[in-house]
Amino acid sequence: EHEFYMPHPRASPIGLDVLEVRADVPGTHPLALLTHGTAATPQERAQVTPWRFLPEALWFARRGYVALVVVRRGYGRSGGEIDDRQGGCGYHGSFTQAAEAGVDDLHAAARYAAKLPEVDPTEIISTGLSTGGLVQAALAANPMPGLKTTINFAGGRGGDGKGHNCNLDSLVSAFRGFGKHNQLPMLWIYSENDHWFPPDMAKRFDEAFKKSGGSDEFVMMPPDGEDGHHLFGHVTKWSAVVEDYLRKQNLLPLQSEVLPPPTPPDVPAPSGLPGAGLAAFH
């Protein structure tokens, strides 16, 4: 596990905050890009960290990928202008432009990774949550060399967590446009109790995407916890679905053997943690 600042001209002066997770085995390996959603408040956006997606990155690394968790421009410690300025609720621009800003960041990450000795740049997959899922639809319409598929987890933008959207027609239109230019197969995963993009909304996205020419395998998962929008964080819930999809696409490097998880360090829990905090620590 290695966190670093990745150079990117639009994220100057410090670049993008990136976490690389991989198995320490010889040779080159396919690349998996991962990216996040849009936090609800400026304070939460400032706290975005790639370490939040360590379990998801480990899932891909244990199956033979070099995983890069990319914190997009303007979020967390990444430099540059946040994608709100390219479009979104209450701003100039459009959802399409906001997603394309994320695509630019992922293209930059792929170019950088192509120079790493452990990466095979001819085989790339990409996945993202929420706004990061919308970015996957945009990326499949404008893929970098070597990209084979993208995975959209609960993709969308402009939700309020209560089943409403600030401009639903515009969001549907963005998915329609990406479908028109779609070049790659995709996997879409939503949950029945997603409070940000509930099933009727997700199905509208899917219908618009496919009717304009897009290709995706759409999966509606059962309810997950209090809000299925956070399904991506519960790896065991989606593991079999994603594994099966990657296998069908011939994109599962380790077909029969998943590498064991790393051994947790022997660190004692801080004293005074309540039950939920103790469980989270472990």
Protein backbone atom coordinates (compact mmCIF):
# COMPACT_ATOMS: atom_id res chain seq x y z
CA GLU A 1 0.00 0.00 0.00
CA HIS A 2 1.56 3.25 -1.16
CA GLU A 3 -0.02 6.73 -1.08
CA PHE A 4 1.53 9.46 -3.21
CA TYR A 5 0.82 12.63 -5.14
CA MET A 6 0.44 11.95 -8.84
CA PRO A 7 1.44 14.79 -11.19
CA HIS A 8 -1.44 16.24 -13.18
CA PRO A 9 -1.28 19.63 -14.93
CA ARG A 10 -4.88 20.47 -13.96
CA ALA A 11 -4.25 19.58 -10.31
CA SER A 12 -1.22 21.78 -9.73
CA PRO A 13 0.75 22.46 -7.69
CA ILE A 14 0.52 19.20 -5.73
CA GLY A 15 -1.27 16.80 -8.11
CA LEU A 16 -3.80 14.09 -7.30
CA ASP A 17 -3.84 12.11 -4.06
CA VAL A 18 -3.56 8.45 -5.11
CA LEU A 19 -3.32 5.18 -3.21
CA GLU A 20 -1.70 2.19 -4.94
CA VAL A 21 -2.55 -1.27 -3.60
CA ARG A 22 -1.01 -4.42 -5.08
CA ALA A 23 0.30 -7.84 -4.25
CA ASP A 24 4.07 -8.03 -3.90
CA VAL A 25 4.55 -10.55 -6.70
CA PRO A 26 6.84 -10.34 -9.74
CA GLY A 27 5.76 -9.40 -13.24
CA THR A 28 3.28 -6.93 -14.68
CA HIS A 29 -0.40 -6.93 -13.81
CA PRO A 30 -3.59 -5.37 -15.16
CA LEU A 31 -4.70 -2.04 -13.74
CA ALA A 32 -7.89 -1.29 -11.78
CA LEU A 33 -8.83 2.37 -11.28
CA LEU A 34 -11.20 3.29 -8.44
CA THR A 35 -12.78 6.66 -7.68
CA HIS A 36 -15.21 8.13 -5.19
CA GLY A 37 -18.49 10.02 -5.09
CA THR A 38 -19.37 13.61 -4.17
CA ALA A 39 -19.68 14.37 -0.47
CA ALA A 40 -22.67 16.44 0.67
CA THR A 41 -20.82 19.41 2.17
CA PRO A 42 -17.58 21.30 1.47
CA GLN A 43 -16.23 20.08 4.82
CA GLU A 44 -16.84 16.44 3.87
CA ARG A 45 -15.32 16.97 0.44
CA ALA A 46 -12.19 18.31 2.07
CA GLN A 47 -11.90 15.09 4.08
CA VAL A 48 -12.07 12.65 1.14
CA THR A 49 -9.19 10.18 1.40
CA PRO A 50 -8.18 7.26 -0.81
CA TRP A 51 -7.75 5.10 2.31
CA ARG A 52 -11.54 4.97 2.63
CA PHE A 53 -11.49 2.58 -0.32
CA LEU A 54 -8.71 0.32 0.94
CA PRO A 55 -11.02 -2.74 1.33
CA GLU A 56 -12.30 -2.33 -2.25
CA ALA A 57 -8.76 -1.83 -3.58
CA LEU A 58 -7.63 -4.95 -1.71
CA TRP A 59 -10.45 -6.90 -3.38
CA PHE A 60 -9.00 -6.10 -6.82
CA ALA A 61 -5.37 -6.55 -5.70
CA ARG A 62 -6.13 -10.02 -4.30
CA ARG A 63 -7.48 -10.98 -7.72
CA GLY A 64 -4.35 -9.96 -9.59
CA TYR A 65 -4.79 -6.23 -10.27
CA VAL A 66 -2.70 -3.23 -9.42
CA ALA A 67 -5.35 -0.98 -7.89
CA LEU A 68 -5.13 2.81 -7.94
CA VAL A 69 -7.63 4.76 -5.83
CA VAL A 70 -7.80 8.21 -7.41
CA VAL A 71 -9.03 11.24 -5.45
CA ARG A 72 -10.27 13.56 -8.17
CA ARG A 73 -9.40 17.24 -8.51
CA GLY A 74 -10.46 19.50 -5.67
CA TYR A 75 -11.40 16.70 -3.26
CA GLY A 76 -9.44 15.86 -0.13
CA ARG A 77 -5.78 16.72 -0.59
CA SER A 78 -5.85 16.69 -4.40
CA GLY A 79 -5.09 19.99 -6.10
CA GLY A 80 -7.09 21.73 -8.80
CA GLU A 81 -10.65 22.94 -9.17
CA ILE A 82 -13.45 20.71 -7.88
CA ASP A 83 -15.87 19.29 -10.45
CA ASP A 84 -18.74 21.40 -9.06
CA ARG A 85 -17.30 24.21 -11.16
CA GLN A 86 -17.80 22.17 -14.34
CA GLY A 87 -21.46 21.50 -13.64
CA GLY A 88 -23.96 20.41 -11.07
CA CYS A 89 -26.83 21.69 -8.98
CA GLY A 90 -26.84 25.47 -8.78
CA TYR A 91 -23.73 25.91 -10.92
CA HIS A 92 -23.03 26.74 -14.54
CA GLY A 93 -22.23 23.87 -16.85
CA SER A 94 -23.80 20.42 -16.83
CA PHE A 95 -23.64 16.96 -15.31
CA THR A 96 -21.94 15.88 -18.53
CA GLN A 97 -19.13 18.38 -18.05
CA ALA A 98 -18.69 17.39 -14.40
CA ALA A 99 -18.36 13.72 -15.38
CA GLU A 100 -15.92 14.56 -18.15
CA ALA A 101 -13.71 16.38 -15.63
CA GLY A 102 -13.49 13.08 -13.74
CA VAL A 103 -12.66 11.27 -16.97
CA ASP A 104 -9.72 13.62 -17.47
CA ASP A 105 -8.37 12.69 -14.04
CA LEU A 106 -8.67 8.96 -14.75
CA HIS A 107 -6.95 9.37 -18.11
CA ALA A 108 -4.09 11.10 -16.30
CA ALA A 109 -3.92 8.25 -13.78
CA ALA A 110 -3.78 5.64 -16.55
CA ARG A 111 -0.99 7.52 -18.34
CA TYR A 112 1.00 7.68 -15.11
CA ALA A 113 0.38 4.02 -14.26
CA ALA A 114 1.50 2.94 -17.73
CA LYS A 115 5.04 3.91 -16.71
CA LEU A 116 5.03 1.80 -13.55
CA PRO A 117 7.04 -1.43 -13.90
CA GLU A 118 4.31 -3.47 -12.16
CA VAL A 119 1.48 -2.38 -14.50
CA ASP A 120 0.36 -3.92 -17.79
CA PRO A 121 -1.24 -0.87 -19.50
CA THR A 122 -2.90 -2.99 -22.20
CA GLU A 123 -5.52 -4.30 -19.74
CA ILE A 124 -7.36 -1.73 -17.62
CA ILE A 125 -10.69 -1.71 -15.81
CA SER A 126 -12.27 1.17 -13.91
CA THR A 127 -14.93 1.48 -11.24
CA GLY A 128 -16.55 4.31 -9.33
CA LEU A 129 -19.21 5.14 -6.78
CA SER A 130 -22.04 7.69 -7.15
CA THR A 131 -20.55 10.65 -9.06
CA GLY A 132 -17.64 8.29 -9.69
CA GLY A 133 -20.15 5.86 -11.20
CA LEU A 134 -21.46 8.56 -13.54
CA VAL A 135 -17.82 9.17 -14.47
CA GLN A 136 -17.60 5.49 -15.53
CA ALA A 137 -20.37 6.00 -18.11
CA ALA A 138 -18.49 9.02 -19.44
CA LEU A 139 -15.22 7.07 -19.46
CA ALA A 140 -16.77 4.22 -21.46
CA ALA A 141 -17.66 6.86 -24.07
CA ASN A 142 -14.11 8.25 -24.08
CA PRO A 143 -11.82 5.37 -23.06
CA MET A 144 -8.08 5.51 -22.65
CA PRO A 145 -5.98 2.94 -24.56
CA GLY A 146 -6.20 -0.46 -22.87
CA LEU A 147 -9.51 0.11 -21.09
CA LYS A 148 -11.68 -3.03 -21.32
CA THR A 149 -14.72 -2.26 -19.15
CA THR A 150 -16.06 0.09 -16.49
CA ILE A 151 -18.22 -0.63 -13.43
CA ASN A 152 -20.81 1.86 -12.21
CA PHE A 153 -21.80 1.57 -8.55
CA ALA A 154 -24.90 3.66 -7.77
CA GLY A 155 -23.93 6.19 -10.43
CA GLY A 156 -25.50 9.63 -10.54
CA ARG A 157 -25.19 13.18 -9.28
CA GLY A 158 -27.39 15.85 -7.73
CA GLY A 159 -29.25 13.65 -5.24
CA ASP A 160 -30.22 14.77 -1.74
CA GLY A 161 -30.28 11.41 0.04
CA LYS A 162 -34.07 11.55 0.25
CA GLY A 163 -34.98 10.24 -3.19
CA HIS A 164 -34.98 13.63 -4.93
CA ASN A 165 -32.68 15.14 -7.56
CA CYS A 166 -31.97 18.78 -8.29
CA ASN A 167 -32.27 18.28 -12.07
CA LEU A 168 -33.30 14.74 -12.93
CA ASP A 169 -34.00 15.42 -16.60
CA SER A 170 -30.50 16.81 -17.04
CA LEU A 171 -28.99 13.76 -15.35
CA VAL A 172 -31.00 11.38 -17.54
CA SER A 173 -29.85 13.39 -20.55
CA ALA A 174 -26.22 12.96 -19.49
CA PHE A 175 -26.61 9.18 -19.35
CA ARG A 176 -28.36 9.29 -22.74
CA GLY A 177 -25.44 11.19 -24.26
CA PHE A 178 -22.88 8.80 -22.84
CA GLY A 179 -24.90 5.87 -24.18
CA LYS A 180 -24.87 7.39 -27.65
CA HIS A 181 -21.06 7.37 -27.65
CA ASN A 182 -20.56 4.21 -25.56
CA GLN A 183 -17.64 2.08 -26.74
CA LEU A 184 -17.25 -0.58 -24.02
CA PRO A 185 -19.32 -3.09 -22.06
CA MET A 186 -20.30 -1.91 -18.59
CA LEU A 187 -21.61 -3.36 -15.33
CA TRP A 188 -24.13 -1.22 -13.43
CA ILE A 189 -24.96 -2.04 -9.80
CA TYR A 190 -27.67 -0.27 -7.79
CA SER A 191 -29.54 -1.24 -4.62
CA GLU A 192 -33.27 -1.42 -3.93
CA ASN A 193 -32.96 0.93 -0.94
CA ASP A 194 -30.62 3.55 -2.42
CA HIS A 195 -31.85 6.89 -1.03
CA TRP A 196 -29.83 8.97 -3.49
CA PHE A 197 -30.71 7.18 -6.73
CA PRO A 198 -33.65 4.86 -5.96
CA PRO A 199 -34.70 2.05 -8.32
CA ASP A 200 -37.13 4.06 -10.45
CA MET A 201 -34.43 6.67 -11.03
CA ALA A 202 -31.71 4.09 -11.72
CA LYS A 203 -33.97 2.37 -14.25
CA ARG A 204 -34.51 5.68 -16.05
CA PHE A 205 -30.74 6.11 -16.30
CA ASP A 206 -30.37 2.58 -17.67
CA GLU A 207 -33.21 2.95 -20.16
CA ALA A 208 -31.85 6.25 -21.51
CA PHE A 209 -28.34 4.82 -21.76
CA LYS A 210 -29.42 1.69 -23.64
CA LYS A 211 -31.96 3.35 -25.93
CA SER A 212 -29.28 5.69 -27.24
CA GLY A 213 -26.92 2.79 -28.00
CA GLY A 214 -25.15 2.00 -24.72
CA SER A 215 -24.27 -1.50 -23.55
CA ASP A 216 -24.46 -2.44 -19.89
CA GLU A 217 -25.34 -5.35 -17.63
CA PHE A 218 -27.77 -3.87 -15.09
CA VAL A 219 -28.00 -5.45 -11.62
CA MET A 220 -30.47 -4.33 -8.95
CA MET A 221 -29.17 -5.65 -5.64
CA PRO A 222 -31.34 -6.33 -2.56
CA PRO A 223 -31.60 -3.68 0.16
CA ASP A 224 -28.32 -3.06 1.95
CA GLY A 225 -28.28 -1.63 5.46
CA GLU A 226 -30.05 1.66 6.07
CA ASP A 227 -29.07 3.11 2.70
CA GLY A 228 -28.09 0.93 -0.27
CA HIS A 229 -26.16 3.85 -1.77
CA HIS A 230 -23.23 2.66 0.38
CA LEU A 231 -23.24 -0.87 -1.03
CA PHE A 232 -19.78 -0.39 -2.58
CA GLY A 233 -18.33 -0.24 0.92
CA HIS A 234 -19.70 -3.71 1.74
CA VAL A 235 -17.37 -5.82 -0.37
CA THR A 236 -18.83 -9.21 0.49
CA LYS A 237 -22.25 -8.13 -0.81
CA TRP A 238 -21.09 -7.46 -4.38
CA SER A 239 -18.04 -9.71 -4.64
CA ALA A 240 -19.75 -12.60 -6.44
CA VAL A 241 -21.54 -10.30 -8.91
CA VAL A 242 -18.39 -8.44 -9.95
CA GLU A 243 -16.28 -11.60 -10.00
CA ASP A 244 -18.79 -13.32 -12.27
CA TYR A 245 -18.94 -10.32 -14.60
CA LEU A 246 -15.14 -10.03 -14.87
CA ARG A 247 -14.87 -13.76 -15.50
CA LYS A 248 -17.38 -13.53 -18.37
CA GLN A 249 -15.37 -10.64 -19.81
CA ASN A 250 -12.15 -12.69 -19.44
CA LEU A 251 -10.84 -10.00 -17.10
CA LEU A 252 -10.21 -11.99 -13.94
CA PRO A 253 -6.41 -12.42 -13.77
CA LEU A 254 -6.52 -15.03 -11.01
CA GLN A 255 -9.25 -17.36 -12.23
CA SER A 256 -9.07 -20.04 -9.56
CA GLU A 257 -7.01 -18.68 -6.66
CA VAL A 258 -7.64 -15.47 -4.75
CA LEU A 259 -4.60 -14.23 -2.84
CA PRO A 260 -5.00 -14.21 0.96
CA PRO A 261 -5.68 -10.89 2.67
CA PRO A 262 -2.74 -9.17 4.32
CA THR A 263 -2.13 -10.03 7.95
CA PRO A 264 -3.41 -7.19 10.14
CA PRO A 265 -0.74 -5.60 12.32
CA ASP A 266 -0.87 -6.48 16.01
CA VAL A 267 -1.99 -3.06 17.23
CA PRO A 268 -4.03 -2.78 20.44
CA ALA A 269 -7.34 -0.92 20.27
CA PRO A 270 -7.46 2.49 21.95
CA SER A 271 -9.02 2.31 25.41
CA GLY A 272 -12.58 3.50 25.94
CA LEU A 273 -13.98 2.67 22.51
CA PRO A 274 -17.70 1.77 22.54
CA GLY A 275 -18.83 -1.50 20.94
CA ALA A 276 -19.40 -0.04 17.46
CA GLY A 277 -16.10 1.82 17.57
CA LEU A 278 -14.24 -1.29 18.66
CA ALA A 279 -15.77 -3.29 15.80
CA ALA A 280 -14.81 -0.54 13.32
CA PHE A 281 -11.23 -0.52 14.66
CA HIS A 282 -10.85 -4.27 14.18
